[in-house]
Amino acid sequence: MTKLVIRNYWWLEVMRDVRRYIESCDMCQRIKNRMEVPAGKLKLSKVPEKLWTHLVIKLLVVVGKNAILVICDRLSKMTYFVATTEGTLTEGLARLFRNNV
């Protein structure tokens, strides 16, 4: 691109001005050849088998709670965080799930 400009025009710092123009030009950026290797074929993400998954993470004791129940909906990408205790039984986790989701 600079060779085409230099062929007909010249001024101080012509190279800098042409480089700035090309870097700011939307069309130039879209058409420009990329130097990196192509990323390859896109891979389809797996369809989640279960809509909801959960995980209990242990933390320091705060207001009588020492864990967080993390509930993730993999379909809609929503996540819920519920404060709980580490010793909560399955029945208690089910209640937390029902009341908070």
PDB file of N, CA and C in Angstrom:
ATOM      1  N   MET A   1       0.823  -1.189   0.000  1.00  0.00           N
ATOM      2  CA  MET A   1       0.000   0.000   0.000  1.00  0.00           C
ATOM      3  C   MET A   1       0.868   1.255   0.000  1.00  0.00           C
ATOM      4  N   THR A   2       1.928   1.254   0.805  1.00  0.00           N
ATOM      5  CA  THR A   2       2.785   2.441   0.850  1.00  0.00           C
ATOM      6  C   THR A   2       3.491   2.670  -0.477  1.00  0.00           C
ATOM      7  N   LYS A   3       3.836   1.607  -1.201  1.00  0.00           N
ATOM      8  CA  LYS A   3       4.495   1.770  -2.498  1.00  0.00           C
ATOM      9  C   LYS A   3       3.601   2.507  -3.478  1.00  0.00           C
ATOM     10  N   LEU A   4       2.313   2.234  -3.425  1.00  0.00           N
ATOM     11  CA  LEU A   4       1.380   2.924  -4.321  1.00  0.00           C
ATOM     12  C   LEU A   4       1.291   4.410  -3.982  1.00  0.00           C
ATOM     13  N   VAL A   5       1.329   4.748  -2.711  1.00  0.00           N
ATOM     14  CA  VAL A   5       1.273   6.152  -2.310  1.00  0.00           C
ATOM     15  C   VAL A   5       2.575   6.854  -2.638  1.00  0.00           C
ATOM     16  N   ILE A   6       3.697   6.214  -2.338  1.00  0.00           N
ATOM     17  CA  ILE A   6       5.011   6.824  -2.568  1.00  0.00           C
ATOM     18  C   ILE A   6       5.268   7.039  -4.057  1.00  0.00           C
ATOM     19  N   ARG A   7       4.702   6.211  -4.900  1.00  0.00           N
ATOM     20  CA  ARG A   7       4.887   6.335  -6.342  1.00  0.00           C
ATOM     21  C   ARG A   7       4.411   7.702  -6.848  1.00  0.00           C
ATOM     22  N   ASN A   8       3.334   8.244  -6.249  1.00  0.00           N
ATOM     23  CA  ASN A   8       2.764   9.500  -6.748  1.00  0.00           C
ATOM     24  C   ASN A   8       2.876  10.674  -5.780  1.00  0.00           C
ATOM     25  N   TYR A   9       3.066  10.402  -4.492  1.00  0.00           N
ATOM     26  CA  TYR A   9       3.063  11.468  -3.492  1.00  0.00           C
ATOM     27  C   TYR A   9       4.238  11.298  -2.545  1.00  0.00           C
ATOM     28  N   TRP A  10       4.655  12.413  -1.953  1.00  0.00           N
ATOM     29  CA  TRP A  10       5.695  12.355  -0.940  1.00  0.00           C
ATOM     30  C   TRP A  10       5.551  13.523   0.019  1.00  0.00           C
ATOM     31  N   TRP A  11       5.691  13.270   1.309  1.00  0.00           N
ATOM     32  CA  TRP A  11       5.749  14.278   2.352  1.00  0.00           C
ATOM     33  C   TRP A  11       6.493  13.665   3.525  1.00  0.00           C
ATOM     34  N   LEU A  12       6.832  14.495   4.498  1.00  0.00           N
ATOM     35  CA  LEU A  12       7.549  13.987   5.663  1.00  0.00           C
ATOM     36  C   LEU A  12       6.674  12.982   6.400  1.00  0.00           C
ATOM     37  N   GLU A  13       7.274  11.890   6.809  1.00  0.00           N
ATOM     38  CA  GLU A  13       6.606  10.827   7.567  1.00  0.00           C
ATOM     39  C   GLU A  13       5.422  10.222   6.818  1.00  0.00           C
ATOM     40  N   VAL A  14       5.574  10.057   5.518  1.00  0.00           N
ATOM     41  CA  VAL A  14       4.514   9.442   4.713  1.00  0.00           C
ATOM     42  C   VAL A  14       4.245   8.004   5.157  1.00  0.00           C
ATOM     43  N   MET A  15       5.286   7.287   5.531  1.00  0.00           N
ATOM     44  CA  MET A  15       5.127   5.895   5.958  1.00  0.00           C
ATOM     45  C   MET A  15       4.275   5.811   7.230  1.00  0.00           C
ATOM     46  N   ARG A  16       4.534   6.692   8.194  1.00  0.00           N
ATOM     47  CA  ARG A  16       3.778   6.704   9.434  1.00  0.00           C
ATOM     48  C   ARG A  16       2.306   7.025   9.183  1.00  0.00           C
ATOM     49  N   ASP A  17       2.038   8.009   8.346  1.00  0.00           N
ATOM     50  CA  ASP A  17       0.665   8.400   8.053  1.00  0.00           C
ATOM     51  C   ASP A  17      -0.101   7.296   7.334  1.00  0.00           C
ATOM     52  N   VAL A  18       0.547   6.625   6.398  1.00  0.00           N
ATOM     53  CA  VAL A  18      -0.109   5.522   5.678  1.00  0.00           C
ATOM     54  C   VAL A  18      -0.382   4.371   6.635  1.00  0.00           C
ATOM     55  N   ARG A  19       0.568   4.032   7.521  1.00  0.00           N
ATOM     56  CA  ARG A  19       0.375   2.963   8.495  1.00  0.00           C
ATOM     57  C   ARG A  19      -0.789   3.286   9.439  1.00  0.00           C
ATOM     58  N   ARG A  20      -0.856   4.532   9.915  1.00  0.00           N
ATOM     59  CA  ARG A  20      -1.970   4.932  10.781  1.00  0.00           C
ATOM     60  C   ARG A  20      -3.310   4.825  10.058  1.00  0.00           C
ATOM     61  N   TYR A  21      -3.326   5.243   8.786  1.00  0.00           N
ATOM     62  CA  TYR A  21      -4.573   5.172   8.027  1.00  0.00           C
ATOM     63  C   TYR A  21      -5.029   3.719   7.870  1.00  0.00           C
ATOM     64  N   ILE A  22      -4.106   2.850   7.541  1.00  0.00           N
ATOM     65  CA  ILE A  22      -4.448   1.440   7.341  1.00  0.00           C
ATOM     66  C   ILE A  22      -4.914   0.807   8.650  1.00  0.00           C
ATOM     67  N   GLU A  23      -4.273   1.135   9.780  1.00  0.00           N
ATOM     68  CA  GLU A  23      -4.672   0.585  11.072  1.00  0.00           C
ATOM     69  C   GLU A  23      -6.043   1.068  11.518  1.00  0.00           C
ATOM     70  N   SER A  24      -6.447   2.266  11.088  1.00  0.00           N
ATOM     71  CA  SER A  24      -7.745   2.794  11.499  1.00  0.00           C
ATOM     72  C   SER A  24      -8.849   2.522  10.479  1.00  0.00           C
ATOM     73  N   CYS A  25      -8.505   2.029   9.306  1.00  0.00           N
ATOM     74  CA  CYS A  25      -9.496   1.792   8.253  1.00  0.00           C
ATOM     75  C   CYS A  25     -10.175   0.434   8.477  1.00  0.00           C
ATOM     76  N   ASP A  26     -11.482   0.441   8.642  1.00  0.00           N
ATOM     77  CA  ASP A  26     -12.230  -0.793   8.892  1.00  0.00           C
ATOM     78  C   ASP A  26     -12.111  -1.759   7.710  1.00  0.00           C
ATOM     79  N   MET A  27     -12.264  -1.258   6.502  1.00  0.00           N
ATOM     80  CA  MET A  27     -12.198  -2.117   5.316  1.00  0.00           C
ATOM     81  C   MET A  27     -10.802  -2.723   5.159  1.00  0.00           C
ATOM     82  N   CYS A  28      -9.762  -1.946   5.432  1.00  0.00           N
ATOM     83  CA  CYS A  28      -8.393  -2.466   5.330  1.00  0.00           C
ATOM     84  C   CYS A  28      -8.165  -3.602   6.321  1.00  0.00           C
ATOM     85  N   GLN A  29      -8.705  -3.463   7.526  1.00  0.00           N
ATOM     86  CA  GLN A  29      -8.532  -4.496   8.544  1.00  0.00           C
ATOM     87  C   GLN A  29      -9.285  -5.761   8.178  1.00  0.00           C
ATOM     88  N   ARG A  30     -10.426  -5.643   7.525  1.00  0.00           N
ATOM     89  CA  ARG A  30     -11.190  -6.828   7.134  1.00  0.00           C
ATOM     90  C   ARG A  30     -10.528  -7.595   6.000  1.00  0.00           C
ATOM     91  N   ILE A  31      -9.899  -6.873   5.079  1.00  0.00           N
ATOM     92  CA  ILE A  31      -9.332  -7.499   3.888  1.00  0.00           C
ATOM     93  C   ILE A  31      -7.903  -7.988   4.124  1.00  0.00           C
ATOM     94  N   LYS A  32      -7.240  -7.445   5.124  1.00  0.00           N
ATOM     95  CA  LYS A  32      -5.824  -7.731   5.377  1.00  0.00           C
ATOM     96  C   LYS A  32      -5.570  -9.228   5.549  1.00  0.00           C
ATOM     97  N   ASN A  33      -4.483  -9.715   4.940  1.00  0.00           N
ATOM     98  CA  ASN A  33      -4.098 -11.122   5.091  1.00  0.00           C
ATOM     99  C   ASN A  33      -3.615 -11.372   6.507  1.00  0.00           C
ATOM    100  N   ARG A  34      -4.040 -12.463   7.071  1.00  0.00           N
ATOM    101  CA  ARG A  34      -3.626 -12.830   8.426  1.00  0.00           C
ATOM    102  C   ARG A  34      -2.384 -13.709   8.353  1.00  0.00           C
ATOM    103  N   MET A  35      -1.459 -13.474   9.268  1.00  0.00           N
ATOM    104  CA  MET A  35      -0.196 -14.212   9.261  1.00  0.00           C
ATOM    105  C   MET A  35      -0.251 -15.480  10.102  1.00  0.00           C
ATOM    106  N   GLU A  36      -1.227 -15.604  11.010  1.00  0.00           N
ATOM    107  CA  GLU A  36      -1.283 -16.778  11.868  1.00  0.00           C
ATOM    108  C   GLU A  36      -1.925 -17.961  11.142  1.00  0.00           C
ATOM    109  N   VAL A  37      -1.652 -19.135  11.649  1.00  0.00           N
ATOM    110  CA  VAL A  37      -2.197 -20.370  11.086  1.00  0.00           C
ATOM    111  C   VAL A  37      -3.703 -20.414  11.353  1.00  0.00           C
ATOM    112  N   PRO A  38      -4.509 -20.879  10.379  1.00  0.00           N
ATOM    113  CA  PRO A  38      -5.950 -20.977  10.624  1.00  0.00           C
ATOM    114  C   PRO A  38      -6.257 -21.854  11.831  1.00  0.00           C
ATOM    115  N   ALA A  39      -7.331 -21.533  12.540  1.00  0.00           N
ATOM    116  CA  ALA A  39      -7.677 -22.232  13.772  1.00  0.00           C
ATOM    117  C   ALA A  39      -8.151 -23.659  13.522  1.00  0.00           C
ATOM    118  N   GLY A  40      -8.640 -23.953  12.359  1.00  0.00           N
ATOM    119  CA  GLY A  40      -9.136 -25.292  12.072  1.00  0.00           C
ATOM    120  C   GLY A  40     -10.654 -25.312  12.030  1.00  0.00           C
ATOM    121  N   LYS A  41     -11.205 -26.502  11.901  1.00  0.00           N
ATOM    122  CA  LYS A  41     -12.657 -26.631  11.803  1.00  0.00           C
ATOM    123  C   LYS A  41     -13.301 -26.398  13.159  1.00  0.00           C
ATOM    124  N   LEU A  42     -14.492 -25.824  13.126  1.00  0.00           N
ATOM    125  CA  LEU A  42     -15.245 -25.623  14.359  1.00  0.00           C
ATOM    126  C   LEU A  42     -15.800 -26.950  14.834  1.00  0.00           C
ATOM    127  N   LYS A  43     -15.831 -27.122  16.143  1.00  0.00           N
ATOM    128  CA  LYS A  43     -16.378 -28.343  16.721  1.00  0.00           C
ATOM    129  C   LYS A  43     -17.683 -28.009  17.420  1.00  0.00           C
ATOM    130  N   LEU A  44     -18.678 -28.831  17.219  1.00  0.00           N
ATOM    131  CA  LEU A  44     -19.953 -28.633  17.882  1.00  0.00           C
ATOM    132  C   LEU A  44     -19.815 -28.959  19.357  1.00  0.00           C
ATOM    133  N   SER A  45     -20.428 -28.134  20.197  1.00  0.00           N
ATOM    134  CA  SER A  45     -20.407 -28.442  21.618  1.00  0.00           C
ATOM    135  C   SER A  45     -21.433 -29.528  21.905  1.00  0.00           C
ATOM    136  N   LYS A  46     -21.139 -30.331  22.913  1.00  0.00           N
ATOM    137  CA  LYS A  46     -22.020 -31.441  23.252  1.00  0.00           C
ATOM    138  C   LYS A  46     -23.310 -30.924  23.867  1.00  0.00           C
ATOM    139  N   VAL A  47     -24.404 -31.582  23.561  1.00  0.00           N
ATOM    140  CA  VAL A  47     -25.679 -31.255  24.179  1.00  0.00           C
ATOM    141  C   VAL A  47     -25.638 -31.812  25.593  1.00  0.00           C
ATOM    142  N   PRO A  48     -25.915 -30.981  26.605  1.00  0.00           N
ATOM    143  CA  PRO A  48     -25.824 -31.476  27.973  1.00  0.00           C
ATOM    144  C   PRO A  48     -26.830 -32.586  28.246  1.00  0.00           C
ATOM    145  N   GLU A  49     -26.368 -33.616  28.935  1.00  0.00           N
ATOM    146  CA  GLU A  49     -27.244 -34.730  29.272  1.00  0.00           C
ATOM    147  C   GLU A  49     -28.200 -34.338  30.393  1.00  0.00           C
ATOM    148  N   LYS A  50     -27.701 -33.592  31.369  1.00  0.00           N
ATOM    149  CA  LYS A  50     -28.509 -33.104  32.473  1.00  0.00           C
ATOM    150  C   LYS A  50     -28.597 -31.595  32.357  1.00  0.00           C
ATOM    151  N   LEU A  51     -29.766 -31.051  32.645  1.00  0.00           N
ATOM    152  CA  LEU A  51     -29.900 -29.608  32.583  1.00  0.00           C
ATOM    153  C   LEU A  51     -29.241 -28.929  33.768  1.00  0.00           C
ATOM    154  N   TRP A  52     -29.314 -29.540  34.948  1.00  0.00           N
ATOM    155  CA  TRP A  52     -28.786 -28.924  36.152  1.00  0.00           C
ATOM    156  C   TRP A  52     -27.657 -29.769  36.727  1.00  0.00           C
ATOM    157  N   THR A  53     -26.613 -29.117  37.161  1.00  0.00           N
ATOM    158  CA  THR A  53     -25.547 -29.782  37.900  1.00  0.00           C
ATOM    159  C   THR A  53     -25.307 -28.956  39.160  1.00  0.00           C
ATOM    160  N   HIS A  54     -24.734 -29.559  40.165  1.00  0.00           N
ATOM    161  CA  HIS A  54     -24.464 -28.810  41.387  1.00  0.00           C
ATOM    162  C   HIS A  54     -23.099 -29.192  41.941  1.00  0.00           C
ATOM    163  N   LEU A  55     -22.598 -28.327  42.787  1.00  0.00           N
ATOM    164  CA  LEU A  55     -21.273 -28.502  43.353  1.00  0.00           C
ATOM    165  C   LEU A  55     -21.242 -27.771  44.694  1.00  0.00           C
ATOM    166  N   VAL A  56     -20.648 -28.373  45.706  1.00  0.00           N
ATOM    167  CA  VAL A  56     -20.520 -27.723  47.010  1.00  0.00           C
ATOM    168  C   VAL A  56     -19.055 -27.364  47.201  1.00  0.00           C
ATOM    169  N   ILE A  57     -18.789 -26.092  47.496  1.00  0.00           N
ATOM    170  CA  ILE A  57     -17.430 -25.595  47.670  1.00  0.00           C
ATOM    171  C   ILE A  57     -17.259 -25.175  49.120  1.00  0.00           C
ATOM    172  N   LYS A  58     -16.202 -25.680  49.783  1.00  0.00           N
ATOM    173  CA  LYS A  58     -15.961 -25.368  51.201  1.00  0.00           C
ATOM    174  C   LYS A  58     -15.262 -24.014  51.315  1.00  0.00           C
ATOM    175  N   LEU A  59     -15.741 -23.198  52.290  1.00  0.00           N
ATOM    176  CA  LEU A  59     -15.174 -21.873  52.533  1.00  0.00           C
ATOM    177  C   LEU A  59     -14.931 -21.674  54.022  1.00  0.00           C
ATOM    178  N   LEU A  60     -14.487 -20.489  54.387  1.00  0.00           N
ATOM    179  CA  LEU A  60     -14.347 -20.122  55.786  1.00  0.00           C
ATOM    180  C   LEU A  60     -15.731 -19.889  56.378  1.00  0.00           C
ATOM    181  N   VAL A  61     -15.860 -20.031  57.689  1.00  0.00           N
ATOM    182  CA  VAL A  61     -17.157 -19.859  58.349  1.00  0.00           C
ATOM    183  C   VAL A  61     -17.528 -18.377  58.359  1.00  0.00           C
ATOM    184  N   VAL A  62     -18.700 -18.052  57.783  1.00  0.00           N
ATOM    185  CA  VAL A  62     -19.233 -16.696  57.780  1.00  0.00           C
ATOM    186  C   VAL A  62     -20.712 -16.799  58.111  1.00  0.00           C
ATOM    187  N   VAL A  63     -21.152 -16.178  59.196  1.00  0.00           N
ATOM    188  CA  VAL A  63     -22.550 -16.170  59.647  1.00  0.00           C
ATOM    189  C   VAL A  63     -23.084 -17.599  59.733  1.00  0.00           C
ATOM    190  N   GLY A  64     -22.291 -18.514  60.252  1.00  0.00           N
ATOM    191  CA  GLY A  64     -22.740 -19.892  60.435  1.00  0.00           C
ATOM    192  C   GLY A  64     -22.728 -20.736  59.177  1.00  0.00           C
ATOM    193  N   LYS A  65     -22.318 -20.195  58.066  1.00  0.00           N
ATOM    194  CA  LYS A  65     -22.253 -20.945  56.801  1.00  0.00           C
ATOM    195  C   LYS A  65     -20.783 -21.120  56.423  1.00  0.00           C
ATOM    196  N   ASN A  66     -20.425 -22.338  55.995  1.00  0.00           N
ATOM    197  CA  ASN A  66     -19.023 -22.574  55.634  1.00  0.00           C
ATOM    198  C   ASN A  66     -18.859 -23.161  54.240  1.00  0.00           C
ATOM    199  N   ALA A  67     -19.921 -23.131  53.428  1.00  0.00           N
ATOM    200  CA  ALA A  67     -19.833 -23.677  52.078  1.00  0.00           C
ATOM    201  C   ALA A  67     -20.807 -22.935  51.165  1.00  0.00           C
ATOM    202  N   ILE A  68     -20.574 -23.040  49.887  1.00  0.00           N
ATOM    203  CA  ILE A  68     -21.476 -22.467  48.888  1.00  0.00           C
ATOM    204  C   ILE A  68     -21.948 -23.601  47.991  1.00  0.00           C
ATOM    205  N   LEU A  69     -23.252 -23.685  47.802  1.00  0.00           N
ATOM    206  CA  LEU A  69     -23.834 -24.625  46.851  1.00  0.00           C
ATOM    207  C   LEU A  69     -23.932 -23.900  45.522  1.00  0.00           C
ATOM    208  N   VAL A  70     -23.202 -24.363  44.519  1.00  0.00           N
ATOM    209  CA  VAL A  70     -23.212 -23.754  43.189  1.00  0.00           C
ATOM    210  C   VAL A  70     -24.086 -24.623  42.298  1.00  0.00           C
ATOM    211  N   ILE A  71     -25.168 -24.043  41.770  1.00  0.00           N
ATOM    212  CA  ILE A  71     -26.102 -24.771  40.912  1.00  0.00           C
ATOM    213  C   ILE A  71     -26.011 -24.154  39.522  1.00  0.00           C
ATOM    214  N   CYS A  72     -25.657 -24.962  38.520  1.00  0.00           N
ATOM    215  CA  CYS A  72     -25.461 -24.470  37.156  1.00  0.00           C
ATOM    216  C   CYS A  72     -26.474 -25.096  36.215  1.00  0.00           C
ATOM    217  N   ASP A  73     -27.178 -24.264  35.452  1.00  0.00           N
ATOM    218  CA  ASP A  73     -28.037 -24.745  34.375  1.00  0.00           C
ATOM    219  C   ASP A  73     -27.203 -24.671  33.108  1.00  0.00           C
ATOM    220  N   ARG A  74     -26.761 -25.812  32.617  1.00  0.00           N
ATOM    221  CA  ARG A  74     -25.872 -25.835  31.470  1.00  0.00           C
ATOM    222  C   ARG A  74     -26.582 -25.479  30.179  1.00  0.00           C
ATOM    223  N   LEU A  75     -27.907 -25.554  30.154  1.00  0.00           N
ATOM    224  CA  LEU A  75     -28.648 -25.223  28.947  1.00  0.00           C
ATOM    225  C   LEU A  75     -28.786 -23.712  28.782  1.00  0.00           C
ATOM    226  N   SER A  76     -29.227 -23.026  29.832  1.00  0.00           N
ATOM    227  CA  SER A  76     -29.420 -21.580  29.734  1.00  0.00           C
ATOM    228  C   SER A  76     -28.230 -20.785  30.258  1.00  0.00           C
ATOM    229  N   LYS A  77     -27.191 -21.461  30.754  1.00  0.00           N
ATOM    230  CA  LYS A  77     -25.972 -20.842  31.270  1.00  0.00           C
ATOM    231  C   LYS A  77     -26.222 -19.981  32.510  1.00  0.00           C
ATOM    232  N   MET A  78     -27.251 -20.313  33.284  1.00  0.00           N
ATOM    233  CA  MET A  78     -27.523 -19.593  34.528  1.00  0.00           C
ATOM    234  C   MET A  78     -26.856 -20.308  35.690  1.00  0.00           C
ATOM    235  N   THR A  79     -26.396 -19.540  36.667  1.00  0.00           N
ATOM    236  CA  THR A  79     -25.742 -20.101  37.838  1.00  0.00           C
ATOM    237  C   THR A  79     -26.327 -19.472  39.091  1.00  0.00           C
ATOM    238  N   TYR A  80     -26.573 -20.300  40.112  1.00  0.00           N
ATOM    239  CA  TYR A  80     -27.094 -19.837  41.393  1.00  0.00           C
ATOM    240  C   TYR A  80     -26.090 -20.197  42.476  1.00  0.00           C
ATOM    241  N   PHE A  81     -25.866 -19.291  43.405  1.00  0.00           N
ATOM    242  CA  PHE A  81     -24.953 -19.501  44.518  1.00  0.00           C
ATOM    243  C   PHE A  81     -25.759 -19.427  45.812  1.00  0.00           C
ATOM    244  N   VAL A  82     -25.725 -20.497  46.611  1.00  0.00           N
ATOM    245  CA  VAL A  82     -26.519 -20.568  47.835  1.00  0.00           C
ATOM    246  C   VAL A  82     -25.577 -20.881  48.999  1.00  0.00           C
ATOM    247  N   ALA A  83     -25.614 -20.040  50.035  1.00  0.00           N
ATOM    248  CA  ALA A  83     -24.794 -20.269  51.229  1.00  0.00           C
ATOM    249  C   ALA A  83     -25.381 -21.434  52.020  1.00  0.00           C
ATOM    250  N   THR A  84     -24.523 -22.340  52.478  1.00  0.00           N
ATOM    251  CA  THR A  84     -24.961 -23.520  53.218  1.00  0.00           C
ATOM    252  C   THR A  84     -23.841 -23.973  54.151  1.00  0.00           C
ATOM    253  N   THR A  85     -24.048 -25.078  54.835  1.00  0.00           N
ATOM    254  CA  THR A  85     -23.002 -25.664  55.670  1.00  0.00           C
ATOM    255  C   THR A  85     -22.483 -26.933  55.008  1.00  0.00           C
ATOM    256  N   GLU A  86     -21.277 -27.289  55.350  1.00  0.00           N
ATOM    257  CA  GLU A  86     -20.653 -28.454  54.719  1.00  0.00           C
ATOM    258  C   GLU A  86     -21.361 -29.762  55.073  1.00  0.00           C
ATOM    259  N   GLY A  87     -21.967 -29.842  56.244  1.00  0.00           N
ATOM    260  CA  GLY A  87     -22.599 -31.073  56.680  1.00  0.00           C
ATOM    261  C   GLY A  87     -24.058 -31.223  56.242  1.00  0.00           C
ATOM    262  N   THR A  88     -24.532 -30.408  55.321  1.00  0.00           N
ATOM    263  CA  THR A  88     -25.925 -30.480  54.875  1.00  0.00           C
ATOM    264  C   THR A  88     -26.175 -31.816  54.185  1.00  0.00           C
ATOM    265  N   LEU A  89     -27.247 -32.480  54.572  1.00  0.00           N
ATOM    266  CA  LEU A  89     -27.592 -33.778  53.984  1.00  0.00           C
ATOM    267  C   LEU A  89     -28.281 -33.589  52.636  1.00  0.00           C
ATOM    268  N   THR A  90     -28.495 -34.694  51.940  1.00  0.00           N
ATOM    269  CA  THR A  90     -29.105 -34.664  50.622  1.00  0.00           C
ATOM    270  C   THR A  90     -30.484 -34.021  50.665  1.00  0.00           C
ATOM    271  N   GLU A  91     -31.259 -34.336  51.691  1.00  0.00           N
ATOM    272  CA  GLU A  91     -32.597 -33.760  51.816  1.00  0.00           C
ATOM    273  C   GLU A  91     -32.524 -32.234  51.957  1.00  0.00           C
ATOM    274  N   GLY A  92     -31.546 -31.758  52.723  1.00  0.00           N
ATOM    275  CA  GLY A  92     -31.353 -30.319  52.890  1.00  0.00           C
ATOM    276  C   GLY A  92     -30.921 -29.646  51.592  1.00  0.00           C
ATOM    277  N   LEU A  93     -30.052 -30.321  50.832  1.00  0.00           N
ATOM    278  CA  LEU A  93     -29.626 -29.776  49.547  1.00  0.00           C
ATOM    279  C   LEU A  93     -30.803 -29.702  48.578  1.00  0.00           C
ATOM    280  N   ALA A  94     -31.676 -30.712  48.609  1.00  0.00           N
ATOM    281  CA  ALA A  94     -32.855 -30.701  47.754  1.00  0.00           C
ATOM    282  C   ALA A  94     -33.762 -29.525  48.110  1.00  0.00           C
ATOM    283  N   ARG A  95     -33.920 -29.257  49.418  1.00  0.00           N
ATOM    284  CA  ARG A  95     -34.725 -28.112  49.844  1.00  0.00           C
ATOM    285  C   ARG A  95     -34.103 -26.793  49.384  1.00  0.00           C
ATOM    286  N   LEU A  96     -32.776 -26.678  49.532  1.00  0.00           N
ATOM    287  CA  LEU A  96     -32.095 -25.464  49.068  1.00  0.00           C
ATOM    288  C   LEU A  96     -32.286 -25.268  47.568  1.00  0.00           C
ATOM    289  N   PHE A  97     -32.189 -26.373  46.831  1.00  0.00           N
ATOM    290  CA  PHE A  97     -32.379 -26.314  45.377  1.00  0.00           C
ATOM    291  C   PHE A  97     -33.812 -25.841  45.059  1.00  0.00           C
ATOM    292  N   ARG A  98     -34.794 -26.423  45.709  1.00  0.00           N
ATOM    293  CA  ARG A  98     -36.195 -26.083  45.459  1.00  0.00           C
ATOM    294  C   ARG A  98     -36.500 -24.625  45.829  1.00  0.00           C
ATOM    295  N   ASN A  99     -35.983 -24.177  46.954  1.00  0.00           N
ATOM    296  CA  ASN A  99     -36.292 -22.829  47.425  1.00  0.00           C
ATOM    297  C   ASN A  99     -35.549 -21.728  46.675  1.00  0.00           C
ATOM    298  N   ASN A 100     -34.407 -22.036  46.110  1.00  0.00           N
ATOM    299  CA  ASN A 100     -33.583 -21.000  45.499  1.00  0.00           C
ATOM    300  C   ASN A 100     -33.549 -21.019  43.976  1.00  0.00           C
ATOM    301  N   VAL A 101     -34.041 -22.089  43.403  1.00  0.00           N
ATOM    302  CA  VAL A 101     -34.042 -22.171  41.933  1.00  0.00           C
ATOM    303  C   VAL A 101     -35.442 -22.240  41.482  1.00  0.00           C
TER     304      VAL A 101
END
